[in-house]
Amino acid sequence: MTLLIFSSMSITLLFTSVMSCHPLMLTMKVLLLTVTICLFMAHSTTWYAYMLFIVTVGGMLVMFTYITCMAPNAVLKLDWSTTELLLVLMLPFALVYNNTPTHNTHNTQDQTGIVENFISFYLSEENITLLLILTSTLLLSMSIVMSLLANKKGPMRQAYFKSSNTKIKLNP
């Protein structure tokens, strides 16, 4: 039922924002489609859905940085009449789908102890070397990226304000 509600909400949002080319709306479309696909895929392969979601969220963070730099003052406008029309059209579909007899095999597993099993899987003796390699790789990549960045030459610089003739230092 949760999957049905979430997918109908995402389809409604996608259809309401067809005419919008605002970067925030495009980002929301990509994120909603990814979450919907991950929910469908999680029933068969949980790890692949998890990896897809993590990679997409990482990409969304980079996209959000670029969006805030390129279009910081763009106004997002939605057409509410189209939204209401699509909600009215999606409601009968959801009600008909809800009344069809299906076997509810999802959400019937025993959920007790899943967190403990998940943590013990990662901290087990066989997987601790993999965990240490992944941690050191992330630490190394973070230090390399931080050493490559120049503090005064970035899209989100705040220490200096460069005018046409003068350089004014804002933060001491």
N, C-alpha and C. Protein backbone atom coordinates (compact mmCIF):
# COMPACT_ATOMS: atom_id res chain seq x y z
N MET A 1 0.83 -1.19 0.00
CA MET A 1 0.00 0.00 0.00
C MET A 1 0.87 1.26 0.00
N THR A 2 1.96 1.22 0.76
CA THR A 2 2.86 2.37 0.79
C THR A 2 3.47 2.61 -0.57
N LEU A 3 3.83 1.54 -1.25
CA LEU A 3 4.38 1.66 -2.59
C LEU A 3 3.37 2.26 -3.55
N LEU A 4 2.11 1.88 -3.44
CA LEU A 4 1.07 2.42 -4.30
C LEU A 4 0.88 3.91 -4.04
N ILE A 5 0.83 4.30 -2.79
CA ILE A 5 0.64 5.71 -2.46
C ILE A 5 1.83 6.54 -2.94
N PHE A 6 3.03 6.05 -2.69
CA PHE A 6 4.21 6.81 -3.09
C PHE A 6 4.34 6.90 -4.60
N SER A 7 4.05 5.81 -5.30
CA SER A 7 4.16 5.86 -6.75
C SER A 7 3.08 6.74 -7.36
N SER A 8 1.86 6.73 -6.82
CA SER A 8 0.82 7.62 -7.35
C SER A 8 1.15 9.08 -7.06
N MET A 9 1.72 9.36 -5.89
CA MET A 9 2.12 10.74 -5.61
C MET A 9 3.24 11.19 -6.53
N SER A 10 4.20 10.32 -6.79
CA SER A 10 5.30 10.71 -7.66
C SER A 10 4.84 10.88 -9.10
N ILE A 11 3.94 10.03 -9.56
CA ILE A 11 3.40 10.18 -10.92
C ILE A 11 2.61 11.47 -11.02
N THR A 12 1.83 11.79 -10.00
CA THR A 12 1.08 13.05 -10.02
C THR A 12 2.00 14.24 -10.06
N LEU A 13 3.05 14.22 -9.25
CA LEU A 13 4.00 15.33 -9.25
C LEU A 13 4.72 15.44 -10.58
N LEU A 14 5.05 14.31 -11.17
CA LEU A 14 5.73 14.33 -12.46
C LEU A 14 4.83 14.90 -13.54
N PHE A 15 3.55 14.54 -13.52
CA PHE A 15 2.65 15.07 -14.53
C PHE A 15 2.32 16.54 -14.31
N THR A 16 2.30 16.99 -13.06
CA THR A 16 2.01 18.40 -12.81
C THR A 16 3.17 19.29 -13.19
N SER A 17 4.35 18.75 -13.18
CA SER A 17 5.51 19.58 -13.47
C SER A 17 6.06 19.35 -14.87
N VAL A 18 5.21 18.95 -15.79
CA VAL A 18 5.66 18.69 -17.15
C VAL A 18 6.14 19.97 -17.81
N MET A 19 5.44 21.04 -17.62
CA MET A 19 5.78 22.28 -18.30
C MET A 19 6.83 23.10 -17.55
N SER A 20 7.22 22.71 -16.37
CA SER A 20 8.18 23.47 -15.59
C SER A 20 9.60 23.04 -15.94
N CYS A 21 10.44 24.01 -16.27
CA CYS A 21 11.85 23.73 -16.55
C CYS A 21 12.74 24.33 -15.47
N HIS A 22 12.20 24.56 -14.31
CA HIS A 22 12.98 25.09 -13.20
C HIS A 22 13.93 24.00 -12.71
N PRO A 23 15.17 24.35 -12.38
CA PRO A 23 16.14 23.33 -11.94
C PRO A 23 15.71 22.57 -10.69
N LEU A 24 15.03 23.24 -9.78
CA LEU A 24 14.57 22.55 -8.57
C LEU A 24 13.52 21.50 -8.90
N MET A 25 12.62 21.82 -9.82
CA MET A 25 11.59 20.85 -10.20
C MET A 25 12.20 19.67 -10.96
N LEU A 26 13.19 19.95 -11.80
CA LEU A 26 13.87 18.85 -12.50
C LEU A 26 14.60 17.95 -11.52
N THR A 27 15.21 18.53 -10.49
CA THR A 27 15.89 17.74 -9.47
C THR A 27 14.89 16.88 -8.69
N MET A 28 13.74 17.46 -8.37
CA MET A 28 12.71 16.69 -7.67
C MET A 28 12.19 15.55 -8.52
N LYS A 29 12.07 15.78 -9.84
CA LYS A 29 11.62 14.71 -10.73
C LYS A 29 12.60 13.55 -10.72
N VAL A 30 13.88 13.85 -10.85
CA VAL A 30 14.89 12.79 -10.87
C VAL A 30 14.90 12.03 -9.54
N LEU A 31 14.80 12.75 -8.43
CA LEU A 31 14.82 12.10 -7.13
C LEU A 31 13.59 11.24 -6.91
N LEU A 32 12.41 11.73 -7.30
CA LEU A 32 11.20 10.93 -7.13
C LEU A 32 11.20 9.69 -8.01
N LEU A 33 11.66 9.83 -9.24
CA LEU A 33 11.75 8.66 -10.10
C LEU A 33 12.73 7.63 -9.54
N THR A 34 13.83 8.10 -9.00
CA THR A 34 14.81 7.17 -8.43
C THR A 34 14.25 6.46 -7.21
N VAL A 35 13.58 7.19 -6.35
CA VAL A 35 13.01 6.56 -5.15
C VAL A 35 11.93 5.55 -5.55
N THR A 36 11.11 5.89 -6.54
CA THR A 36 10.08 4.95 -6.98
C THR A 36 10.70 3.69 -7.58
N ILE A 37 11.71 3.85 -8.40
CA ILE A 37 12.38 2.70 -8.99
C ILE A 37 13.06 1.87 -7.90
N CYS A 38 13.66 2.54 -6.92
CA CYS A 38 14.31 1.80 -5.82
C CYS A 38 13.30 1.03 -4.98
N LEU A 39 12.11 1.60 -4.78
CA LEU A 39 11.09 0.87 -4.03
C LEU A 39 10.63 -0.38 -4.78
N PHE A 40 10.48 -0.26 -6.09
CA PHE A 40 10.10 -1.43 -6.88
C PHE A 40 11.21 -2.48 -6.90
N MET A 41 12.46 -2.03 -7.01
CA MET A 41 13.58 -2.96 -7.09
C MET A 41 13.92 -3.58 -5.74
N ALA A 42 13.53 -2.94 -4.66
CA ALA A 42 13.88 -3.44 -3.33
C ALA A 42 13.20 -4.76 -3.00
N HIS A 43 12.14 -5.09 -3.72
CA HIS A 43 11.47 -6.36 -3.47
C HIS A 43 12.27 -7.55 -3.99
N SER A 44 13.12 -7.31 -4.99
CA SER A 44 13.90 -8.43 -5.53
C SER A 44 15.38 -8.34 -5.15
N THR A 45 16.01 -7.18 -5.37
CA THR A 45 17.43 -7.03 -5.04
C THR A 45 17.60 -5.77 -4.21
N THR A 46 17.76 -5.96 -2.93
CA THR A 46 17.84 -4.82 -2.02
C THR A 46 19.13 -4.04 -2.19
N TRP A 47 20.25 -4.73 -2.38
CA TRP A 47 21.53 -4.04 -2.45
C TRP A 47 21.64 -3.16 -3.69
N TYR A 48 21.13 -3.63 -4.81
CA TYR A 48 21.20 -2.82 -6.02
C TYR A 48 20.35 -1.56 -5.88
N ALA A 49 19.18 -1.68 -5.27
CA ALA A 49 18.33 -0.51 -5.05
C ALA A 49 19.01 0.47 -4.09
N TYR A 50 19.65 -0.06 -3.07
CA TYR A 50 20.35 0.79 -2.11
C TYR A 50 21.51 1.54 -2.78
N MET A 51 22.29 0.84 -3.60
CA MET A 51 23.41 1.49 -4.30
C MET A 51 22.90 2.55 -5.28
N LEU A 52 21.82 2.25 -5.99
CA LEU A 52 21.25 3.22 -6.92
C LEU A 52 20.80 4.47 -6.19
N PHE A 53 20.17 4.30 -5.04
CA PHE A 53 19.71 5.44 -4.27
C PHE A 53 20.88 6.28 -3.74
N ILE A 54 21.91 5.64 -3.23
CA ILE A 54 23.06 6.36 -2.69
C ILE A 54 23.78 7.14 -3.78
N VAL A 55 23.98 6.52 -4.94
CA VAL A 55 24.65 7.20 -6.05
C VAL A 55 23.82 8.38 -6.53
N THR A 56 22.51 8.21 -6.59
CA THR A 56 21.65 9.31 -7.05
C THR A 56 21.63 10.45 -6.05
N VAL A 57 21.60 10.15 -4.77
CA VAL A 57 21.62 11.22 -3.77
C VAL A 57 22.95 11.97 -3.81
N GLY A 58 24.05 11.26 -4.01
CA GLY A 58 25.34 11.93 -4.17
C GLY A 58 25.36 12.84 -5.38
N GLY A 59 24.80 12.38 -6.48
CA GLY A 59 24.70 13.22 -7.67
C GLY A 59 23.79 14.42 -7.45
N MET A 60 22.72 14.22 -6.67
CA MET A 60 21.81 15.32 -6.37
C MET A 60 22.51 16.40 -5.54
N LEU A 61 23.41 16.00 -4.65
CA LEU A 61 24.15 16.99 -3.87
C LEU A 61 25.02 17.86 -4.76
N VAL A 62 25.68 17.23 -5.73
CA VAL A 62 26.50 18.00 -6.68
C VAL A 62 25.61 18.89 -7.53
N MET A 63 24.48 18.35 -8.01
CA MET A 63 23.57 19.15 -8.83
C MET A 63 23.00 20.32 -8.03
N PHE A 64 22.69 20.10 -6.76
CA PHE A 64 22.15 21.18 -5.94
C PHE A 64 23.16 22.31 -5.78
N THR A 65 24.43 21.97 -5.65
CA THR A 65 25.46 23.00 -5.56
C THR A 65 25.52 23.83 -6.83
N TYR A 66 25.50 23.17 -7.97
CA TYR A 66 25.52 23.90 -9.23
C TYR A 66 24.25 24.72 -9.44
N ILE A 67 23.12 24.19 -9.04
CA ILE A 67 21.86 24.92 -9.21
C ILE A 67 21.85 26.18 -8.37
N THR A 68 22.33 26.10 -7.14
CA THR A 68 22.34 27.29 -6.29
C THR A 68 23.33 28.33 -6.80
N CYS A 69 24.35 27.91 -7.52
CA CYS A 69 25.30 28.87 -8.08
C CYS A 69 24.79 29.49 -9.37
N MET A 70 24.11 28.72 -10.19
CA MET A 70 23.69 29.22 -11.50
C MET A 70 22.37 29.97 -11.46
N ALA A 71 21.41 29.49 -10.72
CA ALA A 71 20.09 30.11 -10.71
C ALA A 71 19.61 30.34 -9.28
N PRO A 72 20.27 31.24 -8.54
CA PRO A 72 19.87 31.39 -7.14
C PRO A 72 18.57 32.15 -6.94
N ASN A 73 18.19 33.00 -7.90
CA ASN A 73 17.01 33.84 -7.71
C ASN A 73 15.85 33.46 -8.62
N ALA A 74 15.90 32.31 -9.25
CA ALA A 74 14.81 31.89 -10.12
C ALA A 74 13.61 31.49 -9.27
N VAL A 75 12.44 31.94 -9.69
CA VAL A 75 11.22 31.69 -8.93
C VAL A 75 10.52 30.46 -9.51
N LEU A 76 10.11 29.56 -8.65
CA LEU A 76 9.41 28.35 -9.05
C LEU A 76 7.91 28.64 -9.06
N LYS A 77 7.28 28.49 -10.22
CA LYS A 77 5.85 28.74 -10.34
C LYS A 77 5.17 27.45 -10.77
N LEU A 78 4.11 27.08 -10.05
CA LEU A 78 3.34 25.89 -10.38
C LEU A 78 1.92 26.29 -10.77
N ASP A 79 1.35 25.56 -11.71
CA ASP A 79 -0.02 25.79 -12.12
C ASP A 79 -0.92 24.87 -11.29
N TRP A 80 -1.65 25.45 -10.34
CA TRP A 80 -2.43 24.64 -9.40
C TRP A 80 -3.67 24.04 -10.04
N SER A 81 -4.20 24.64 -11.10
CA SER A 81 -5.38 24.05 -11.74
C SER A 81 -5.03 22.71 -12.39
N THR A 82 -3.86 22.63 -13.00
CA THR A 82 -3.41 21.36 -13.59
C THR A 82 -3.15 20.33 -12.50
N THR A 83 -2.61 20.77 -11.39
CA THR A 83 -2.35 19.86 -10.27
C THR A 83 -3.65 19.27 -9.73
N GLU A 84 -4.66 20.12 -9.55
CA GLU A 84 -5.94 19.63 -9.05
C GLU A 84 -6.59 18.68 -10.04
N LEU A 85 -6.51 18.98 -11.32
CA LEU A 85 -7.08 18.10 -12.34
C LEU A 85 -6.42 16.73 -12.32
N LEU A 86 -5.12 16.70 -12.22
CA LEU A 86 -4.42 15.42 -12.21
C LEU A 86 -4.67 14.64 -10.92
N LEU A 87 -4.82 15.33 -9.81
CA LEU A 87 -5.15 14.63 -8.57
C LEU A 87 -6.53 13.99 -8.66
N VAL A 88 -7.48 14.70 -9.26
CA VAL A 88 -8.82 14.14 -9.44
C VAL A 88 -8.78 12.94 -10.38
N LEU A 89 -7.94 13.00 -11.41
CA LEU A 89 -7.83 11.88 -12.34
C LEU A 89 -7.10 10.68 -11.74
N MET A 90 -6.17 10.92 -10.82
CA MET A 90 -5.41 9.82 -10.22
C MET A 90 -6.17 9.14 -9.08
N LEU A 91 -7.12 9.83 -8.46
CA LEU A 91 -7.85 9.26 -7.34
C LEU A 91 -8.66 8.02 -7.71
N PRO A 92 -9.43 8.01 -8.80
CA PRO A 92 -10.15 6.77 -9.15
C PRO A 92 -9.20 5.60 -9.45
N PHE A 93 -8.08 5.88 -10.06
CA PHE A 93 -7.11 4.82 -10.33
C PHE A 93 -6.61 4.20 -9.03
N ALA A 94 -6.31 5.03 -8.06
CA ALA A 94 -5.83 4.51 -6.78
C ALA A 94 -6.92 3.74 -6.05
N LEU A 95 -8.17 4.20 -6.13
CA LEU A 95 -9.26 3.50 -5.46
C LEU A 95 -9.56 2.15 -6.11
N VAL A 96 -9.52 2.10 -7.44
CA VAL A 96 -9.76 0.84 -8.13
C VAL A 96 -8.64 -0.14 -7.83
N TYR A 97 -7.42 0.33 -7.83
CA TYR A 97 -6.29 -0.54 -7.55
C TYR A 97 -6.31 -1.02 -6.10
N ASN A 98 -6.80 -0.19 -5.22
CA ASN A 98 -6.86 -0.55 -3.81
C ASN A 98 -7.89 -1.64 -3.56
N ASN A 99 -8.98 -1.67 -4.32
CA ASN A 99 -10.05 -2.64 -4.09
C ASN A 99 -9.82 -3.98 -4.78
N THR A 100 -8.81 -4.08 -5.62
CA THR A 100 -8.55 -5.36 -6.27
C THR A 100 -7.94 -6.33 -5.26
N PRO A 101 -8.40 -7.58 -5.27
CA PRO A 101 -7.86 -8.55 -4.30
C PRO A 101 -6.46 -9.01 -4.70
N THR A 102 -5.52 -8.72 -3.86
CA THR A 102 -4.14 -9.17 -4.08
C THR A 102 -3.64 -9.81 -2.80
N HIS A 103 -2.66 -10.63 -2.95
CA HIS A 103 -2.05 -11.24 -1.77
C HIS A 103 -1.01 -10.28 -1.22
N ASN A 104 -1.16 -9.95 0.01
CA ASN A 104 -0.23 -9.01 0.64
C ASN A 104 0.93 -9.79 1.25
N THR A 105 1.92 -10.08 0.43
CA THR A 105 3.08 -10.80 0.94
C THR A 105 4.19 -9.86 1.36
N HIS A 106 4.07 -8.60 1.00
CA HIS A 106 5.07 -7.62 1.41
C HIS A 106 4.79 -7.22 2.86
N ASN A 107 5.78 -6.83 3.54
CA ASN A 107 5.69 -6.37 4.93
C ASN A 107 5.22 -7.46 5.88
N THR A 108 5.39 -8.73 5.53
CA THR A 108 4.98 -9.79 6.44
C THR A 108 6.16 -10.48 7.09
N GLN A 109 7.35 -10.01 6.81
CA GLN A 109 8.53 -10.63 7.41
C GLN A 109 8.69 -10.15 8.85
N ASP A 110 9.35 -10.95 9.61
CA ASP A 110 9.64 -10.58 10.99
C ASP A 110 10.71 -9.50 11.00
N GLN A 111 10.39 -8.34 11.54
CA GLN A 111 11.29 -7.20 11.49
C GLN A 111 12.14 -7.06 12.75
N THR A 112 12.04 -7.96 13.67
CA THR A 112 12.81 -7.83 14.91
C THR A 112 14.24 -8.25 14.67
N GLY A 113 15.15 -7.46 15.15
CA GLY A 113 16.56 -7.80 15.08
C GLY A 113 17.23 -7.52 13.75
N ILE A 114 16.58 -6.77 12.86
CA ILE A 114 17.20 -6.50 11.56
C ILE A 114 18.39 -5.56 11.72
N VAL A 115 18.27 -4.56 12.57
CA VAL A 115 19.37 -3.61 12.76
C VAL A 115 20.57 -4.31 13.37
N GLU A 116 20.33 -5.17 14.33
CA GLU A 116 21.43 -5.90 14.95
C GLU A 116 22.11 -6.83 13.96
N ASN A 117 21.34 -7.49 13.10
CA ASN A 117 21.92 -8.36 12.09
C ASN A 117 22.72 -7.55 11.07
N PHE A 118 22.22 -6.38 10.72
CA PHE A 118 22.90 -5.53 9.75
C PHE A 118 24.25 -5.06 10.29
N ILE A 119 24.27 -4.62 11.54
CA ILE A 119 25.51 -4.14 12.14
C ILE A 119 26.48 -5.30 12.36
N SER A 120 25.97 -6.43 12.80
CA SER A 120 26.87 -7.56 13.03
C SER A 120 27.43 -8.11 11.72
N PHE A 121 26.70 -7.95 10.61
CA PHE A 121 27.23 -8.36 9.31
C PHE A 121 28.44 -7.52 8.94
N TYR A 122 28.35 -6.21 9.14
CA TYR A 122 29.47 -5.34 8.77
C TYR A 122 30.65 -5.47 9.72
N LEU A 123 30.39 -5.71 10.96
CA LEU A 123 31.47 -5.79 11.93
C LEU A 123 31.93 -7.22 12.19
N SER A 124 31.53 -8.14 11.35
CA SER A 124 31.98 -9.52 11.52
C SER A 124 33.46 -9.63 11.15
N GLU A 125 34.06 -10.71 11.57
CA GLU A 125 35.49 -10.90 11.37
C GLU A 125 35.86 -11.03 9.89
N GLU A 126 34.97 -11.57 9.09
CA GLU A 126 35.25 -11.74 7.67
C GLU A 126 35.19 -10.42 6.91
N ASN A 127 34.35 -9.51 7.35
CA ASN A 127 34.12 -8.28 6.59
C ASN A 127 34.82 -7.05 7.15
N ILE A 128 35.56 -7.19 8.22
CA ILE A 128 36.21 -6.02 8.83
C ILE A 128 37.30 -5.47 7.93
N THR A 129 37.98 -6.31 7.18
CA THR A 129 39.02 -5.80 6.26
C THR A 129 38.38 -4.99 5.14
N LEU A 130 37.25 -5.45 4.64
CA LEU A 130 36.54 -4.70 3.61
C LEU A 130 36.08 -3.35 4.15
N LEU A 131 35.59 -3.33 5.37
CA LEU A 131 35.16 -2.08 5.99
C LEU A 131 36.32 -1.11 6.16
N LEU A 132 37.48 -1.61 6.58
CA LEU A 132 38.66 -0.76 6.74
C LEU A 132 39.16 -0.23 5.39
N ILE A 133 39.12 -1.06 4.36
CA ILE A 133 39.54 -0.60 3.03
C ILE A 133 38.60 0.48 2.51
N LEU A 134 37.30 0.28 2.68
CA LEU A 134 36.34 1.29 2.23
C LEU A 134 36.49 2.60 3.00
N THR A 135 36.71 2.51 4.30
CA THR A 135 36.88 3.71 5.11
C THR A 135 38.15 4.46 4.72
N SER A 136 39.24 3.75 4.53
CA SER A 136 40.48 4.42 4.14
C SER A 136 40.39 5.00 2.73
N THR A 137 39.67 4.34 1.83
CA THR A 137 39.48 4.88 0.48
C THR A 137 38.68 6.18 0.53
N LEU A 138 37.63 6.20 1.33
CA LEU A 138 36.84 7.42 1.46
C LEU A 138 37.65 8.55 2.09
N LEU A 139 38.44 8.23 3.10
CA LEU A 139 39.28 9.24 3.74
C LEU A 139 40.33 9.77 2.79
N LEU A 140 40.94 8.89 2.02
CA LEU A 140 41.95 9.31 1.04
C LEU A 140 41.34 10.17 -0.06
N SER A 141 40.18 9.77 -0.56
CA SER A 141 39.54 10.58 -1.61
C SER A 141 39.10 11.93 -1.08
N MET A 142 38.63 12.00 0.17
CA MET A 142 38.25 13.29 0.74
C MET A 142 39.47 14.19 0.90
N SER A 143 40.59 13.65 1.35
CA SER A 143 41.78 14.48 1.51
C SER A 143 42.34 14.93 0.16
N ILE A 144 42.25 14.10 -0.87
CA ILE A 144 42.72 14.51 -2.21
C ILE A 144 41.84 15.61 -2.76
N VAL A 145 40.54 15.48 -2.61
CA VAL A 145 39.63 16.52 -3.11
C VAL A 145 39.84 17.83 -2.37
N MET A 146 40.03 17.76 -1.07
CA MET A 146 40.24 18.99 -0.29
C MET A 146 41.57 19.64 -0.63
N SER A 147 42.58 18.86 -0.98
CA SER A 147 43.86 19.46 -1.35
C SER A 147 43.81 20.07 -2.75
N LEU A 148 42.93 19.59 -3.61
CA LEU A 148 42.82 20.14 -4.96
C LEU A 148 42.02 21.43 -5.01
N LEU A 149 41.19 21.66 -4.02
CA LEU A 149 40.35 22.86 -4.01
C LEU A 149 41.17 24.07 -3.62
N ALA A 150 40.93 25.16 -4.33
CA ALA A 150 41.54 26.44 -3.95
C ALA A 150 40.49 27.25 -3.22
N ASN A 151 40.86 27.80 -2.08
CA ASN A 151 39.88 28.51 -1.25
C ASN A 151 39.36 29.79 -1.90
N LYS A 152 40.19 30.48 -2.66
CA LYS A 152 39.78 31.77 -3.21
C LYS A 152 39.20 31.67 -4.61
N LYS A 153 39.21 30.49 -5.22
CA LYS A 153 38.74 30.33 -6.59
C LYS A 153 37.64 29.28 -6.67
N GLY A 154 36.53 29.54 -6.09
CA GLY A 154 35.44 28.58 -6.15
C GLY A 154 34.13 29.26 -6.45
N PRO A 155 33.12 28.51 -6.84
CA PRO A 155 31.84 29.13 -7.14
C PRO A 155 31.13 29.64 -5.90
N MET A 156 31.48 29.13 -4.73
CA MET A 156 30.80 29.55 -3.51
C MET A 156 31.77 30.28 -2.58
N ARG A 157 32.61 31.14 -3.13
CA ARG A 157 33.58 31.85 -2.31
C ARG A 157 32.87 32.89 -1.46
N GLN A 158 33.28 33.02 -0.23
CA GLN A 158 32.67 33.97 0.68
C GLN A 158 33.71 34.86 1.34
N ALA A 159 34.96 34.54 1.23
CA ALA A 159 35.98 35.31 1.93
C ALA A 159 36.28 36.62 1.23
N TYR A 160 36.18 36.66 -0.08
CA TYR A 160 36.53 37.86 -0.83
C TYR A 160 35.39 38.25 -1.76
N PHE A 161 35.21 39.56 -1.89
CA PHE A 161 34.25 40.10 -2.85
C PHE A 161 35.05 40.85 -3.89
N LYS A 162 35.00 40.44 -5.13
CA LYS A 162 35.81 41.03 -6.18
C LYS A 162 34.96 42.01 -6.97
N SER A 163 35.31 43.25 -6.92
CA SER A 163 34.62 44.28 -7.69
C SER A 163 35.40 44.53 -8.97
N SER A 164 34.94 45.48 -9.77
CA SER A 164 35.61 45.73 -11.04
C SER A 164 36.98 46.38 -10.84
N ASN A 165 37.14 47.25 -9.84
CA ASN A 165 38.41 47.95 -9.64
C ASN A 165 39.09 47.60 -8.33
N THR A 166 38.33 47.24 -7.33
CA THR A 166 38.91 47.04 -6.01
C THR A 166 38.60 45.64 -5.49
N LYS A 167 39.41 45.22 -4.56
CA LYS A 167 39.17 43.95 -3.88
C LYS A 167 38.88 44.27 -2.42
N ILE A 168 37.69 43.90 -1.98
CA ILE A 168 37.26 44.18 -0.62
C ILE A 168 37.25 42.88 0.16
N LYS A 169 37.91 42.88 1.28
CA LYS A 169 37.93 41.69 2.12
C LYS A 169 36.76 41.78 3.09
N LEU A 170 35.82 40.79 3.00
CA LEU A 170 34.64 40.82 3.84
C LEU A 170 34.87 40.17 5.20
N ASN A 171 35.50 39.03 5.21
CA ASN A 171 35.74 38.31 6.46
C ASN A 171 37.21 38.43 6.84
N PRO A 172 37.51 38.86 8.06
CA PRO A 172 38.92 38.99 8.45
C PRO A 172 39.59 37.67 8.68
